[in-house]
């Protein structure tokens, strides 16, 4: 993988919190590489996908810490970091668990479907949606498939999955390009309810105060 170009910028004395205007601290670029993954920060490191790789970058100065090995398909999802491991999905249809320091692959599971949805890890499971309208639960320890929910969605899932702990038992929420917001059982994937909305859903549901907030098309619900 090409080594990114790193350009630190000495900050002015007034740069930082409380300054009158924003200022650039550093700049890191991946020449001729597609970077469409939103970074995730953990323990001072930014984890991000570009083309078919996951890299870690020092959050304070932008220097490359580690460049991971090539994965199967472009990484457009947001890495999920938990307990020293990085979970990521690829457009090629694979879900990966990487060790966070060396970015070495711990396991990979090929779902044989394009994936733009980002993994979500909770309760020993890895949850992810596919462009074929399916939600998968994988075992966090080894990537084996636990369940697959396909019965309710007529469109692709580009939305990220959200976990709610406000009311027990915990539940999952996800939106689809079939215009549906769906609530799922965390352990079995069974549908608790689904609500048709007026447009495709690309956004991630937000849970607050017992309510679910989501955008579909030009509308906030």
Protein backbone atom coordinates (compact mmCIF):
# COMPACT_ATOMS: atom_id res chain seq x y z
CA UNK A 1 0.00 0.00 0.00
CA UNK A 2 1.37 3.49 -0.80
CA UNK A 3 2.81 5.39 2.13
CA UNK A 4 0.69 8.47 2.89
CA UNK A 5 2.21 11.93 2.70
CA UNK A 6 2.31 13.58 6.12
CA UNK A 7 2.67 17.36 6.53
CA UNK A 8 2.67 18.77 10.07
CA UNK A 9 1.71 22.43 10.39
CA UNK A 10 3.18 24.42 13.31
CA UNK A 11 0.15 25.90 15.08
CA UNK A 12 0.00 29.59 15.90
CA UNK A 13 0.05 30.49 19.61
CA UNK A 14 -3.71 31.03 19.65
CA UNK A 15 -4.56 27.73 17.95
CA UNK A 16 -6.66 25.22 19.85
CA UNK A 17 -9.69 25.26 22.12
CA UNK A 18 -11.03 28.75 22.65
CA UNK A 19 -9.30 30.25 19.61
CA UNK A 20 -11.24 32.69 17.47
CA UNK A 21 -10.90 30.63 14.28
CA UNK A 22 -10.08 27.03 13.36
CA UNK A 23 -6.53 26.23 12.35
CA UNK A 24 -4.90 23.29 10.60
CA UNK A 25 -2.61 21.22 12.81
CA UNK A 26 -1.50 18.62 10.28
CA UNK A 27 -2.34 17.10 6.92
CA UNK A 28 -1.99 13.48 5.80
CA UNK A 29 -2.88 12.41 2.26
CA UNK A 30 -3.06 9.05 0.48
CA UNK A 31 -1.96 9.78 -3.09
CA UNK A 32 -4.28 8.30 -5.74
CA UNK A 33 -6.20 6.44 -3.04
CA UNK A 34 -9.94 6.62 -2.44
CA UNK A 35 -10.62 7.65 1.17
CA UNK A 36 -14.35 7.36 1.88
CA UNK A 37 -14.21 5.86 5.37
CA UNK A 38 -14.98 8.04 8.39
CA UNK A 39 -12.14 7.75 10.96
CA UNK A 40 -12.62 6.30 14.43
CA UNK A 41 -10.43 7.41 17.33
CA UNK A 42 -9.27 5.19 20.21
CA UNK A 43 -6.31 5.55 22.57
CA UNK A 44 -4.82 8.44 20.61
CA UNK A 45 -5.01 6.62 17.26
CA UNK A 46 -7.23 7.35 14.27
CA UNK A 47 -8.33 4.21 12.42
CA UNK A 48 -9.55 4.66 8.87
CA UNK A 49 -10.06 2.73 5.68
CA UNK A 50 -8.73 3.65 2.26
CA UNK A 51 -9.03 1.50 -0.85
CA UNK A 52 -8.57 -2.05 0.51
CA UNK A 53 -6.58 -1.21 3.64
CA UNK A 54 -7.05 -0.02 7.22
CA UNK A 55 -4.41 2.34 8.60
CA UNK A 56 -3.78 3.84 12.03
CA UNK A 57 -2.60 7.44 12.33
CA UNK A 58 -1.36 9.34 15.37
CA UNK A 59 -4.20 11.69 16.30
CA UNK A 60 -1.86 14.36 17.68
CA UNK A 61 0.55 14.81 14.77
CA UNK A 62 -0.95 12.86 11.84
CA UNK A 63 2.01 10.54 11.41
CA UNK A 64 1.28 7.06 10.07
CA UNK A 65 1.47 4.50 12.89
CA UNK A 66 0.67 1.32 10.98
CA UNK A 67 -0.64 0.33 7.56
CA UNK A 68 -2.63 -2.89 7.53
CA UNK A 69 -2.48 -5.66 4.97
CA UNK A 70 -4.70 -5.69 1.90
CA UNK A 71 -8.29 -6.79 2.49
CA UNK A 72 -10.88 -8.23 0.11
CA UNK A 73 -12.59 -5.19 -1.38
CA UNK A 74 -12.60 -1.44 -0.73
CA UNK A 75 -13.20 -0.23 2.82
CA UNK A 76 -15.97 2.37 2.86
CA UNK A 77 -17.30 1.55 6.29
CA UNK A 78 -16.31 3.20 9.57
CA UNK A 79 -14.01 0.99 11.68
CA UNK A 80 -15.44 -0.06 15.05
CA UNK A 81 -12.82 -0.28 17.83
CA UNK A 82 -13.41 -2.36 20.96
CA UNK A 83 -11.06 -3.90 23.56
CA UNK A 84 -7.94 -3.64 21.42
CA UNK A 85 -9.49 -4.87 18.17
CA UNK A 86 -10.75 -3.15 15.02
CA UNK A 87 -13.81 -4.42 13.14
CA UNK A 88 -14.40 -3.37 9.56
CA UNK A 89 -16.45 -4.42 6.53
CA UNK A 90 -15.61 -4.18 2.82
CA UNK A 91 -17.50 -3.63 -0.41
CA UNK A 92 -16.18 -7.05 -1.43
CA UNK A 93 -18.51 -8.60 1.15
CA UNK A 94 -16.11 -9.47 3.96
CA UNK A 95 -16.13 -8.60 7.66
CA UNK A 96 -12.76 -8.47 9.43
CA UNK A 97 -11.46 -8.43 12.98
CA UNK A 98 -8.00 -6.82 13.23
CA UNK A 99 -5.63 -6.49 16.15
CA UNK A 100 -5.44 -2.76 16.82
CA UNK A 101 -1.66 -2.35 17.22
CA UNK A 102 -0.31 -4.27 14.23
CA UNK A 103 -3.62 -4.39 12.30
CA UNK A 104 -3.10 -8.11 11.79
CA UNK A 105 -6.18 -10.06 10.68
CA UNK A 106 -7.64 -12.19 13.49
CA UNK A 107 -10.51 -13.56 11.41
CA UNK A 108 -12.50 -12.75 8.30
CA UNK A 109 -16.00 -13.85 7.26
CA UNK A 110 -17.14 -13.63 3.65
CA UNK A 111 -20.85 -12.77 3.44
CA UNK A 112 -20.73 -12.83 -0.39
CA UNK A 113 -22.66 -9.55 -0.59
CA UNK A 114 -21.54 -5.94 -0.95
CA UNK A 115 -21.31 -4.17 2.40
CA UNK A 116 -21.38 -0.40 2.94
CA UNK A 117 -22.82 -0.60 6.45
CA UNK A 118 -20.32 -0.34 9.32
CA UNK A 119 -20.01 -3.17 11.86
CA UNK A 120 -21.43 -2.68 15.34
CA UNK A 121 -20.08 -4.83 18.17
CA UNK A 122 -22.01 -5.60 21.37
CA UNK A 123 -22.84 -8.54 23.65
CA UNK A 124 -20.24 -10.78 22.01
CA UNK A 125 -21.75 -10.27 18.54
CA UNK A 126 -20.77 -8.31 15.43
CA UNK A 127 -23.79 -6.84 13.62
CA UNK A 128 -23.70 -5.63 10.01
CA UNK A 129 -26.11 -5.01 7.13
CA UNK A 130 -25.65 -5.83 3.44
CA UNK A 131 -26.78 -4.35 0.13
CA UNK A 132 -29.05 -7.39 -0.35
CA UNK A 133 -31.21 -6.20 2.55
CA UNK A 134 -29.92 -8.63 5.17
CA UNK A 135 -28.71 -8.09 8.73
CA UNK A 136 -26.11 -10.52 10.04
CA UNK A 137 -24.92 -11.36 13.54
CA UNK A 138 -21.43 -12.89 13.75
CA UNK A 139 -19.69 -14.28 16.80
CA UNK A 140 -17.18 -11.71 18.04
CA UNK A 141 -14.58 -14.33 18.98
CA UNK A 142 -14.28 -16.17 15.65
CA UNK A 143 -16.58 -14.55 13.07
CA UNK A 144 -18.92 -17.51 12.72
CA UNK A 145 -22.49 -16.69 11.65
CA UNK A 146 -25.09 -16.67 14.42
CA UNK A 147 -28.19 -15.46 12.58
CA UNK A 148 -29.36 -13.69 9.44
CA UNK A 149 -32.50 -11.59 9.16
CA UNK A 150 -33.96 -11.19 5.67
CA UNK A 151 -37.73 -11.19 6.02
CA UNK A 152 -38.54 -7.49 6.32
CA UNK A 153 -36.29 -5.48 4.02
CA UNK A 154 -36.91 -4.82 0.33
CA UNK A 155 -33.88 -2.56 -0.16
CA UNK A 156 -30.18 -2.42 0.53
CA UNK A 157 -28.86 -1.52 3.98
CA UNK A 158 -26.38 1.35 3.83
CA UNK A 159 -27.42 2.63 7.25
CA UNK A 160 -25.31 1.73 10.26
CA UNK A 161 -26.92 -0.35 13.00
CA UNK A 162 -27.68 1.24 16.38
CA UNK A 163 -27.96 -0.54 19.74
CA UNK A 164 -30.36 0.73 22.40
CA UNK A 165 -29.88 -0.07 26.09
CA UNK A 166 -32.51 2.41 27.31
CA UNK A 167 -35.05 -0.36 27.76
CA UNK A 168 -34.21 -4.00 28.46
CA UNK A 169 -33.83 -6.31 26.71
CA UNK A 170 -31.46 -4.43 24.42
CA UNK A 171 -32.57 -4.00 20.82
CA UNK A 172 -31.16 -3.06 17.40
CA UNK A 173 -32.38 -0.36 15.00
CA UNK A 174 -31.56 -0.11 11.31
CA UNK A 175 -32.87 1.68 8.23
CA UNK A 176 -33.01 0.46 4.63
CA UNK A 177 -33.25 1.74 1.07
CA UNK A 178 -36.64 0.05 1.09
CA UNK A 179 -37.86 3.07 3.14
CA UNK A 180 -38.22 1.06 6.37
CA UNK A 181 -37.01 1.72 9.92
CA UNK A 182 -36.82 -1.62 11.73
CA UNK A 183 -36.38 -2.68 15.37
CA UNK A 184 -34.77 -6.09 15.90
CA UNK A 185 -34.24 -8.49 18.78
CA UNK A 186 -30.57 -8.39 19.73
CA UNK A 187 -30.15 -12.13 20.28
CA UNK A 188 -32.28 -13.66 17.53
CA UNK A 189 -32.72 -10.99 14.85
CA UNK A 190 -36.50 -11.34 14.95
CA UNK A 191 -38.47 -8.25 13.93
CA UNK A 192 -40.14 -6.40 16.81
CA UNK A 193 -41.64 -3.69 14.60
CA UNK A 194 -41.06 -1.87 11.33
CA UNK A 195 -42.18 1.59 10.22
CA UNK A 196 -42.37 2.63 6.55
CA UNK A 197 -41.00 6.12 5.93
CA UNK A 198 -41.25 8.33 2.89
CA UNK A 199 -37.83 7.82 1.33
CA UNK A 200 -34.65 5.75 1.30
CA UNK A 201 -32.72 5.70 4.57
CA UNK A 202 -28.97 6.24 4.50
CA UNK A 203 -28.65 7.72 7.99
CA UNK A 204 -27.98 5.97 11.28
CA UNK A 205 -30.79 5.91 13.87
CA UNK A 206 -30.21 7.88 17.08
CA UNK A 207 -31.87 6.79 20.35
CA UNK A 208 -32.56 9.34 23.10
CA UNK A 209 -35.14 9.55 25.86
CA UNK A 210 -37.05 6.52 24.62
CA UNK A 211 -37.41 7.98 21.12
CA UNK A 212 -35.84 7.05 17.78
CA UNK A 213 -34.61 9.86 15.50
CA UNK A 214 -33.70 9.30 11.85
CA UNK A 215 -33.61 11.11 8.51
CA UNK A 216 -35.12 9.77 5.29
CA UNK A 217 -34.79 11.81 2.12
CA UNK A 218 -35.30 15.46 3.10
CA UNK A 219 -37.18 14.72 6.34
CA UNK A 220 -36.16 14.26 9.96
CA UNK A 221 -38.43 11.90 11.92
